[in-house]
All heavy atoms as atom14 arrays in JSON, in Angstrom:
{
  "sequence": "FLENAATADAIKKNPSEAAKDNIRQLARQADKLLGKQ",
  "atom14_mask": [
    [1, 1, 1, 1, 1, 1, 1, 1, 1, 1, 1, 0, 0, 0],
    [1, 1, 1, 1, 1, 1, 1, 1, 0, 0, 0, 0, 0, 0],
    [1, 1, 1, 1, 1, 1, 1, 1, 1, 0, 0, 0, 0, 0],
    [1, 1, 1, 1, 1, 1, 1, 1, 0, 0, 0, 0, 0, 0],
    [1, 1, 1, 1, 1, 0, 0, 0, 0, 0, 0, 0, 0, 0],
    [1, 1, 1, 1, 1, 0, 0, 0, 0, 0, 0, 0, 0, 0],
    [1, 1, 1, 1, 1, 1, 1, 0, 0, 0, 0, 0, 0, 0],
    [1, 1, 1, 1, 1, 0, 0, 0, 0, 0, 0, 0, 0, 0],
    [1, 1, 1, 1, 1, 1, 1, 1, 0, 0, 0, 0, 0, 0],
    [1, 1, 1, 1, 1, 0, 0, 0, 0, 0, 0, 0, 0, 0],
    [1, 1, 1, 1, 1, 1, 1, 1, 0, 0, 0, 0, 0, 0],
    [1, 1, 1, 1, 1, 1, 1, 1, 1, 0, 0, 0, 0, 0],
    [1, 1, 1, 1, 1, 1, 1, 1, 1, 0, 0, 0, 0, 0],
    [1, 1, 1, 1, 1, 1, 1, 1, 0, 0, 0, 0, 0, 0],
    [1, 1, 1, 1, 1, 1, 1, 0, 0, 0, 0, 0, 0, 0],
    [1, 1, 1, 1, 1, 1, 0, 0, 0, 0, 0, 0, 0, 0],
    [1, 1, 1, 1, 1, 1, 1, 1, 1, 0, 0, 0, 0, 0],
    [1, 1, 1, 1, 1, 0, 0, 0, 0, 0, 0, 0, 0, 0],
    [1, 1, 1, 1, 1, 0, 0, 0, 0, 0, 0, 0, 0, 0],
    [1, 1, 1, 1, 1, 1, 1, 1, 1, 0, 0, 0, 0, 0],
    [1, 1, 1, 1, 1, 1, 1, 1, 0, 0, 0, 0, 0, 0],
    [1, 1, 1, 1, 1, 1, 1, 1, 0, 0, 0, 0, 0, 0],
    [1, 1, 1, 1, 1, 1, 1, 1, 0, 0, 0, 0, 0, 0],
    [1, 1, 1, 1, 1, 1, 1, 1, 1, 1, 1, 0, 0, 0],
    [1, 1, 1, 1, 1, 1, 1, 1, 1, 0, 0, 0, 0, 0],
    [1, 1, 1, 1, 1, 1, 1, 1, 0, 0, 0, 0, 0, 0],
    [1, 1, 1, 1, 1, 0, 0, 0, 0, 0, 0, 0, 0, 0],
    [1, 1, 1, 1, 1, 1, 1, 1, 1, 1, 1, 0, 0, 0],
    [1, 1, 1, 1, 1, 1, 1, 1, 1, 0, 0, 0, 0, 0],
    [1, 1, 1, 1, 1, 0, 0, 0, 0, 0, 0, 0, 0, 0],
    [1, 1, 1, 1, 1, 1, 1, 1, 0, 0, 0, 0, 0, 0],
    [1, 1, 1, 1, 1, 1, 1, 1, 1, 0, 0, 0, 0, 0],
    [1, 1, 1, 1, 1, 1, 1, 1, 0, 0, 0, 0, 0, 0],
    [1, 1, 1, 1, 1, 1, 1, 1, 0, 0, 0, 0, 0, 0],
    [1, 1, 1, 1, 0, 0, 0, 0, 0, 0, 0, 0, 0, 0],
    [1, 1, 1, 1, 1, 1, 1, 1, 1, 0, 0, 0, 0, 0],
    [1, 1, 1, 1, 1, 1, 1, 1, 1, 0, 0, 0, 0, 0]
  ],
  "atom14_positions": [
    [[-26.67, -24.53, -106.15], [-25.91, -25.49, -106.94], [-24.43, -25.49, -106.57], [-23.75, -26.5, -106.76], [-26.05, -25.17, -108.43], [-27.48, -24.96, -108.85], [-27.89, -23.76, -109.41], [-28.43, -25.96, -108.66], [-29.21, -23.56, -109.78], [-29.75, -25.78, -109.04], [-30.15, -24.57, -109.59], [0.0, 0.0, 0.0], [0.0, 0.0, 0.0], [0.0, 0.0, 0.0]],
    [[-23.92, -24.39, -106.04], [-22.5, -24.26, -105.73], [-22.19, -24.47, -104.26], [-21.02, -24.58, -103.88], [-22.0, -22.87, -106.15], [-22.27, -22.46, -107.6], [-21.71, -21.07, -107.85], [-21.69, -23.46, -108.58], [0.0, 0.0, 0.0], [0.0, 0.0, 0.0], [0.0, 0.0, 0.0], [0.0, 0.0, 0.0], [0.0, 0.0, 0.0], [0.0, 0.0, 0.0]],
    [[-23.21, -24.5, -103.43], [-23.04, -24.7, -102.0], [-24.07, -25.71, -101.52], [-25.09, -25.93, -102.18], [-23.22, -23.39, -101.21], [-22.33, -22.25, -101.64], [-20.86, -22.45, -101.31], [-20.53, -23.44, -100.62], [-20.04, -21.61, -101.73], [0.0, 0.0, 0.0], [0.0, 0.0, 0.0], [0.0, 0.0, 0.0], [0.0, 0.0, 0.0], [0.0, 0.0, 0.0]],
    [[-23.82, -26.3, -100.37], [-24.76, -27.25, -99.79], [-25.86, -26.48, -99.06], [-25.59, -25.81, -98.06], [-24.02, -28.18, -98.83], [-24.92, -29.28, -98.29], [-25.86, -29.02, -97.56], [-24.61, -30.51, -98.67], [0.0, 0.0, 0.0], [0.0, 0.0, 0.0], [0.0, 0.0, 0.0], [0.0, 0.0, 0.0], [0.0, 0.0, 0.0], [0.0, 0.0, 0.0]],
    [[-27.07, -26.59, -99.56], [-28.18, -25.82, -99.01], [-28.49, -26.22, -97.57], [-28.83, -25.37, -96.74], [-29.42, -25.98, -99.89], [0.0, 0.0, 0.0], [0.0, 0.0, 0.0], [0.0, 0.0, 0.0], [0.0, 0.0, 0.0], [0.0, 0.0, 0.0], [0.0, 0.0, 0.0], [0.0, 0.0, 0.0], [0.0, 0.0, 0.0], [0.0, 0.0, 0.0]],
    [[-28.38, -27.51, -97.25], [-28.67, -27.96, -95.88], [-27.66, -27.39, -94.9], [-28.02, -27.01, -93.77], [-28.67, -29.49, -95.83], [0.0, 0.0, 0.0], [0.0, 0.0, 0.0], [0.0, 0.0, 0.0], [0.0, 0.0, 0.0], [0.0, 0.0, 0.0], [0.0, 0.0, 0.0], [0.0, 0.0, 0.0], [0.0, 0.0, 0.0], [0.0, 0.0, 0.0]],
    [[-26.4, -27.32, -95.31], [-25.37, -26.73, -94.45], [-25.65, -25.26, -94.2], [-25.58, -24.78, -93.06], [-23.98, -26.9, -95.09], [-23.69, -28.28, -95.23], [-22.91, -26.23, -94.24], [0.0, 0.0, 0.0], [0.0, 0.0, 0.0], [0.0, 0.0, 0.0], [0.0, 0.0, 0.0], [0.0, 0.0, 0.0], [0.0, 0.0, 0.0], [0.0, 0.0, 0.0]],
    [[-25.98, -24.53, -95.26], [-26.3, -23.1, -95.11], [-27.5, -22.91, -94.2], [-27.51, -22.01, -93.34], [-26.57, -22.49, -96.49], [0.0, 0.0, 0.0], [0.0, 0.0, 0.0], [0.0, 0.0, 0.0], [0.0, 0.0, 0.0], [0.0, 0.0, 0.0], [0.0, 0.0, 0.0], [0.0, 0.0, 0.0], [0.0, 0.0, 0.0], [0.0, 0.0, 0.0]],
    [[-28.51, -23.74, -94.35], [-29.71, -23.65, -93.53], [-29.39, -23.9, -92.06], [-29.88, -23.17, -91.18], [-30.73, -24.67, -94.04], [-32.02, -24.66, -93.24], [-32.74, -23.65, -93.29], [-32.3, -25.66, -92.55], [0.0, 0.0, 0.0], [0.0, 0.0, 0.0], [0.0, 0.0, 0.0], [0.0, 0.0, 0.0], [0.0, 0.0, 0.0], [0.0, 0.0, 0.0]],
    [[-28.56, -24.89, -91.8], [-28.2, -25.2, -90.41], [-27.43, -24.05, -89.77], [-27.66, -23.72, -88.59], [-27.36, -26.48, -90.38], [0.0, 0.0, 0.0], [0.0, 0.0, 0.0], [0.0, 0.0, 0.0], [0.0, 0.0, 0.0], [0.0, 0.0, 0.0], [0.0, 0.0, 0.0], [0.0, 0.0, 0.0], [0.0, 0.0, 0.0], [0.0, 0.0, 0.0]],
    [[-26.54, -23.44, -90.52], [-25.78, -22.3, -89.99], [-26.69, -21.12, -89.73], [-26.57, -20.43, -88.71], [-24.64, -21.93, -90.96], [-23.61, -23.05, -91.02], [-23.99, -20.61, -90.55], [-22.6, -22.9, -92.14], [0.0, 0.0, 0.0], [0.0, 0.0, 0.0], [0.0, 0.0, 0.0], [0.0, 0.0, 0.0], [0.0, 0.0, 0.0], [0.0, 0.0, 0.0]],
    [[-27.62, -20.88, -90.64], [-28.56, -19.76, -90.46], [-29.41, -19.96, -89.2], [-29.63, -19.01, -88.44], [-29.45, -19.63, -91.68], [-30.46, -18.49, -91.58], [-31.27, -18.33, -92.86], [-32.25, -17.17, -92.72], [-33.02, -16.94, -93.96], [0.0, 0.0, 0.0], [0.0, 0.0, 0.0], [0.0, 0.0, 0.0], [0.0, 0.0, 0.0], [0.0, 0.0, 0.0]],
    [[-29.85, -21.18, -88.98], [-30.74, -21.45, -87.85], [-30.0, -21.48, -86.53], [-30.56, -21.13, -85.48], [-31.47, -22.77, -88.07], [-32.52, -22.71, -89.17], [-33.16, -24.07, -89.4], [-34.25, -23.98, -90.45], [-34.81, -25.32, -90.78], [0.0, 0.0, 0.0], [0.0, 0.0, 0.0], [0.0, 0.0, 0.0], [0.0, 0.0, 0.0], [0.0, 0.0, 0.0]],
    [[-28.75, -21.92, -86.54], [-28.01, -22.06, -85.29], [-26.54, -21.7, -85.49], [-25.65, -22.55, -85.42], [-28.14, -23.5, -84.77], [-27.55, -23.67, -83.38], [-27.5, -22.72, -82.59], [-27.07, -24.87, -83.09], [0.0, 0.0, 0.0], [0.0, 0.0, 0.0], [0.0, 0.0, 0.0], [0.0, 0.0, 0.0], [0.0, 0.0, 0.0], [0.0, 0.0, 0.0]],
    [[-26.25, -20.41, -85.74], [-24.86, -20.02, -86.01], [-24.01, -20.05, -84.75], [-24.48, -19.73, -83.66], [-25.0, -18.58, -86.53], [-26.26, -18.07, -85.88], [-27.17, -19.27, -85.79], [0.0, 0.0, 0.0], [0.0, 0.0, 0.0], [0.0, 0.0, 0.0], [0.0, 0.0, 0.0], [0.0, 0.0, 0.0], [0.0, 0.0, 0.0], [0.0, 0.0, 0.0]],
    [[-22.76, -20.44, -84.93], [-21.8, -20.37, -83.83], [-21.46, -18.9, -83.58], [-21.81, -18.02, -84.38], [-20.54, -21.14, -84.19], [-19.89, -20.5, -85.29], [0.0, 0.0, 0.0], [0.0, 0.0, 0.0], [0.0, 0.0, 0.0], [0.0, 0.0, 0.0], [0.0, 0.0, 0.0], [0.0, 0.0, 0.0], [0.0, 0.0, 0.0], [0.0, 0.0, 0.0]],
    [[-20.75, -18.65, -82.49], [-20.34, -17.27, -82.22], [-19.42, -16.75, -83.32], [-19.5, -15.59, -83.73], [-19.65, -17.19, -80.86], [-20.59, -17.39, -79.68], [-21.76, -16.41, -79.69], [-21.52, -15.19, -79.9], [-22.9, -16.85, -79.51], [0.0, 0.0, 0.0], [0.0, 0.0, 0.0], [0.0, 0.0, 0.0], [0.0, 0.0, 0.0], [0.0, 0.0, 0.0]],
    [[-18.53, -17.63, -83.82], [-17.64, -17.22, -84.91], [-18.45, -16.91, -86.17], [-18.17, -15.93, -86.87], [-16.62, -18.31, -85.19], [0.0, 0.0, 0.0], [0.0, 0.0, 0.0], [0.0, 0.0, 0.0], [0.0, 0.0, 0.0], [0.0, 0.0, 0.0], [0.0, 0.0, 0.0], [0.0, 0.0, 0.0], [0.0, 0.0, 0.0], [0.0, 0.0, 0.0]],
    [[-19.46, -17.74, -86.44], [-20.29, -17.49, -87.62], [-21.05, -16.17, -87.48], [-21.2, -15.42, -88.46], [-21.27, -18.65, -87.83], [0.0, 0.0, 0.0], [0.0, 0.0, 0.0], [0.0, 0.0, 0.0], [0.0, 0.0, 0.0], [0.0, 0.0, 0.0], [0.0, 0.0, 0.0], [0.0, 0.0, 0.0], [0.0, 0.0, 0.0], [0.0, 0.0, 0.0]],
    [[-21.54, -15.89, -86.28], [-22.25, -14.62, -86.06], [-21.33, -13.43, -86.36], [-21.74, -12.45, -86.99], [-22.75, -14.53, -84.62], [-23.9, -15.47, -84.31], [-24.29, -15.37, -82.84], [-25.39, -16.35, -82.48], [-25.74, -16.32, -81.04], [0.0, 0.0, 0.0], [0.0, 0.0, 0.0], [0.0, 0.0, 0.0], [0.0, 0.0, 0.0], [0.0, 0.0, 0.0]],
    [[-20.09, -13.51, -85.89], [-19.12, -12.45, -86.15], [-18.88, -12.3, -87.66], [-18.82, -11.18, -88.19], [-17.8, -12.73, -85.45], [-17.88, -12.53, -83.95], [-18.83, -11.86, -83.5], [-17.01, -13.07, -83.24], [0.0, 0.0, 0.0], [0.0, 0.0, 0.0], [0.0, 0.0, 0.0], [0.0, 0.0, 0.0], [0.0, 0.0, 0.0], [0.0, 0.0, 0.0]],
    [[-18.74, -13.43, -88.34], [-18.49, -13.38, -89.78], [-19.71, -12.9, -90.56], [-19.56, -12.24, -91.59], [-18.05, -14.77, -90.27], [-16.63, -15.1, -89.85], [-15.76, -14.25, -89.84], [-16.4, -16.36, -89.47], [0.0, 0.0, 0.0], [0.0, 0.0, 0.0], [0.0, 0.0, 0.0], [0.0, 0.0, 0.0], [0.0, 0.0, 0.0], [0.0, 0.0, 0.0]],
    [[-20.91, -13.22, -90.09], [-22.12, -12.71, -90.74], [-22.19, -11.19, -90.59], [-22.57, -10.48, -91.52], [-23.37, -13.4, -90.16], [-23.42, -14.86, -90.64], [-24.65, -12.66, -90.58], [-24.45, -15.71, -89.92], [0.0, 0.0, 0.0], [0.0, 0.0, 0.0], [0.0, 0.0, 0.0], [0.0, 0.0, 0.0], [0.0, 0.0, 0.0], [0.0, 0.0, 0.0]],
    [[-21.82, -10.7, -89.43], [-21.77, -9.24, -89.25], [-20.75, -8.61, -90.2], [-20.98, -7.53, -90.75], [-21.46, -8.89, -87.79], [-22.63, -9.1, -86.85], [-22.36, -8.53, -85.47], [-21.45, -9.37, -84.69], [-21.84, -10.35, -83.88], [-23.13, -10.62, -83.73], [-20.95, -11.06, -83.19], [0.0, 0.0, 0.0], [0.0, 0.0, 0.0], [0.0, 0.0, 0.0]],
    [[-19.61, -9.3, -90.39], [-18.61, -8.79, -91.32], [-19.15, -8.83, -92.75], [-18.93, -7.89, -93.53], [-17.33, -9.62, -91.22], [-16.21, -9.12, -92.12], [-14.97, -10.0, -92.08], [-14.85, -10.89, -91.24], [-14.04, -9.77, -92.99], [0.0, 0.0, 0.0], [0.0, 0.0, 0.0], [0.0, 0.0, 0.0], [0.0, 0.0, 0.0], [0.0, 0.0, 0.0]],
    [[-19.86, -9.89, -93.11], [-20.47, -9.99, -94.44], [-21.44, -8.83, -94.65], [-21.45, -8.2, -95.72], [-21.2, -11.32, -94.57], [-21.99, -11.55, -95.86], [-21.05, -11.66, -97.05], [-22.86, -12.8, -95.74], [0.0, 0.0, 0.0], [0.0, 0.0, 0.0], [0.0, 0.0, 0.0], [0.0, 0.0, 0.0], [0.0, 0.0, 0.0], [0.0, 0.0, 0.0]],
    [[-22.23, -8.52, -93.64], [-23.2, -7.42, -93.75], [-22.48, -6.08, -93.93], [-22.91, -5.24, -94.73], [-24.09, -7.39, -92.52], [0.0, 0.0, 0.0], [0.0, 0.0, 0.0], [0.0, 0.0, 0.0], [0.0, 0.0, 0.0], [0.0, 0.0, 0.0], [0.0, 0.0, 0.0], [0.0, 0.0, 0.0], [0.0, 0.0, 0.0], [0.0, 0.0, 0.0]],
    [[-21.38, -5.89, -93.22], [-20.62, -4.64, -93.38], [-20.08, -4.51, -94.79], [-20.08, -3.42, -95.38], [-19.49, -4.56, -92.34], [-19.95, -4.35, -90.92], [-18.79, -3.97, -90.01], [-17.84, -5.06, -89.85], [-17.91, -6.01, -88.91], [-18.91, -6.0, -88.05], [-16.99, -6.94, -88.83], [0.0, 0.0, 0.0], [0.0, 0.0, 0.0], [0.0, 0.0, 0.0]],
    [[-19.58, -5.61, -95.33], [-19.08, -5.58, -96.71], [-20.22, -5.32, -97.69], [-20.07, -4.58, -98.66], [-18.38, -6.89, -97.03], [-17.08, -7.08, -96.26], [-16.39, -8.4, -96.6], [-16.82, -9.13, -97.47], [-15.3, -8.7, -95.89], [0.0, 0.0, 0.0], [0.0, 0.0, 0.0], [0.0, 0.0, 0.0], [0.0, 0.0, 0.0], [0.0, 0.0, 0.0]],
    [[-21.36, -5.94, -97.44], [-22.52, -5.73, -98.32], [-23.03, -4.3, -98.24], [-23.49, -3.73, -99.24], [-23.63, -6.72, -97.96], [0.0, 0.0, 0.0], [0.0, 0.0, 0.0], [0.0, 0.0, 0.0], [0.0, 0.0, 0.0], [0.0, 0.0, 0.0], [0.0, 0.0, 0.0], [0.0, 0.0, 0.0], [0.0, 0.0, 0.0], [0.0, 0.0, 0.0]],
    [[-22.93, -3.69, -97.06], [-23.36, -2.29, -96.9], [-22.61, -1.37, -97.86], [-23.17, -0.38, -98.37], [-23.13, -1.82, -95.46], [-24.15, -2.38, -94.48], [-25.25, -2.78, -94.93], [-23.85, -2.41, -93.28], [0.0, 0.0, 0.0], [0.0, 0.0, 0.0], [0.0, 0.0, 0.0], [0.0, 0.0, 0.0], [0.0, 0.0, 0.0], [0.0, 0.0, 0.0]],
    [[-21.35, -1.68, -98.12], [-20.54, -0.84, -99.0], [-21.01, -0.91, -100.45], [-20.66, -0.04, -101.26], [-19.07, -1.25, -98.91], [-18.45, -1.03, -97.53], [-17.01, -1.52, -97.48], [-16.41, -1.36, -96.09], [-15.02, -1.87, -96.02], [0.0, 0.0, 0.0], [0.0, 0.0, 0.0], [0.0, 0.0, 0.0], [0.0, 0.0, 0.0], [0.0, 0.0, 0.0]],
    [[-21.78, -1.93, -100.77], [-22.26, -2.1, -102.14], [-23.59, -1.39, -102.38], [-23.98, -1.2, -103.54], [-22.43, -3.59, -102.45], [-21.17, -4.45, -102.34], [-21.54, -5.93, -102.5], [-20.16, -4.05, -103.41], [0.0, 0.0, 0.0], [0.0, 0.0, 0.0], [0.0, 0.0, 0.0], [0.0, 0.0, 0.0], [0.0, 0.0, 0.0], [0.0, 0.0, 0.0]],
    [[-24.27, -1.0, -101.31], [-25.62, -0.48, -101.46], [-25.67, 0.81, -102.26], [-26.6, 1.04, -103.03], [-26.26, -0.27, -100.08], [-26.47, -1.54, -99.26], [-27.01, -1.21, -97.87], [-27.43, -2.5, -99.98], [0.0, 0.0, 0.0], [0.0, 0.0, 0.0], [0.0, 0.0, 0.0], [0.0, 0.0, 0.0], [0.0, 0.0, 0.0], [0.0, 0.0, 0.0]],
    [[-24.7, 1.66, -102.1], [-24.69, 2.93, -102.83], [-23.75, 2.96, -104.01], [-23.58, 3.99, -104.66], [0.0, 0.0, 0.0], [0.0, 0.0, 0.0], [0.0, 0.0, 0.0], [0.0, 0.0, 0.0], [0.0, 0.0, 0.0], [0.0, 0.0, 0.0], [0.0, 0.0, 0.0], [0.0, 0.0, 0.0], [0.0, 0.0, 0.0], [0.0, 0.0, 0.0]],
    [[-23.13, 1.81, -104.31], [-22.13, 1.76, -105.37], [-22.78, 1.76, -106.75], [-23.81, 1.12, -106.97], [-21.26, 0.51, -105.21], [-20.15, 0.39, -106.24], [-19.26, -0.82, -105.99], [-18.21, -0.97, -107.08], [-17.32, -2.12, -106.84], [0.0, 0.0, 0.0], [0.0, 0.0, 0.0], [0.0, 0.0, 0.0], [0.0, 0.0, 0.0], [0.0, 0.0, 0.0]],
    [[-22.17, 2.48, -107.68], [-22.61, 2.48, -109.07], [-21.83, 1.42, -109.85], [-20.61, 1.32, -109.7], [-22.4, 3.86, -109.69], [-23.21, 4.97, -109.04], [-24.71, 4.75, -109.16], [-25.23, 4.49, -110.25], [-25.41, 4.84, -108.03], [0.0, 0.0, 0.0], [0.0, 0.0, 0.0], [0.0, 0.0, 0.0], [0.0, 0.0, 0.0], [0.0, 0.0, 0.0]]
  ]
}
């Protein structure tokens, strides 16, 4: 509801090199939440 689902889908299926780098950064940030209380 807050983002365009078709845009997200297109990025997931065919990410640019910049998007790939940012997805890796997102994963690193998410990793820090895995053990957080």
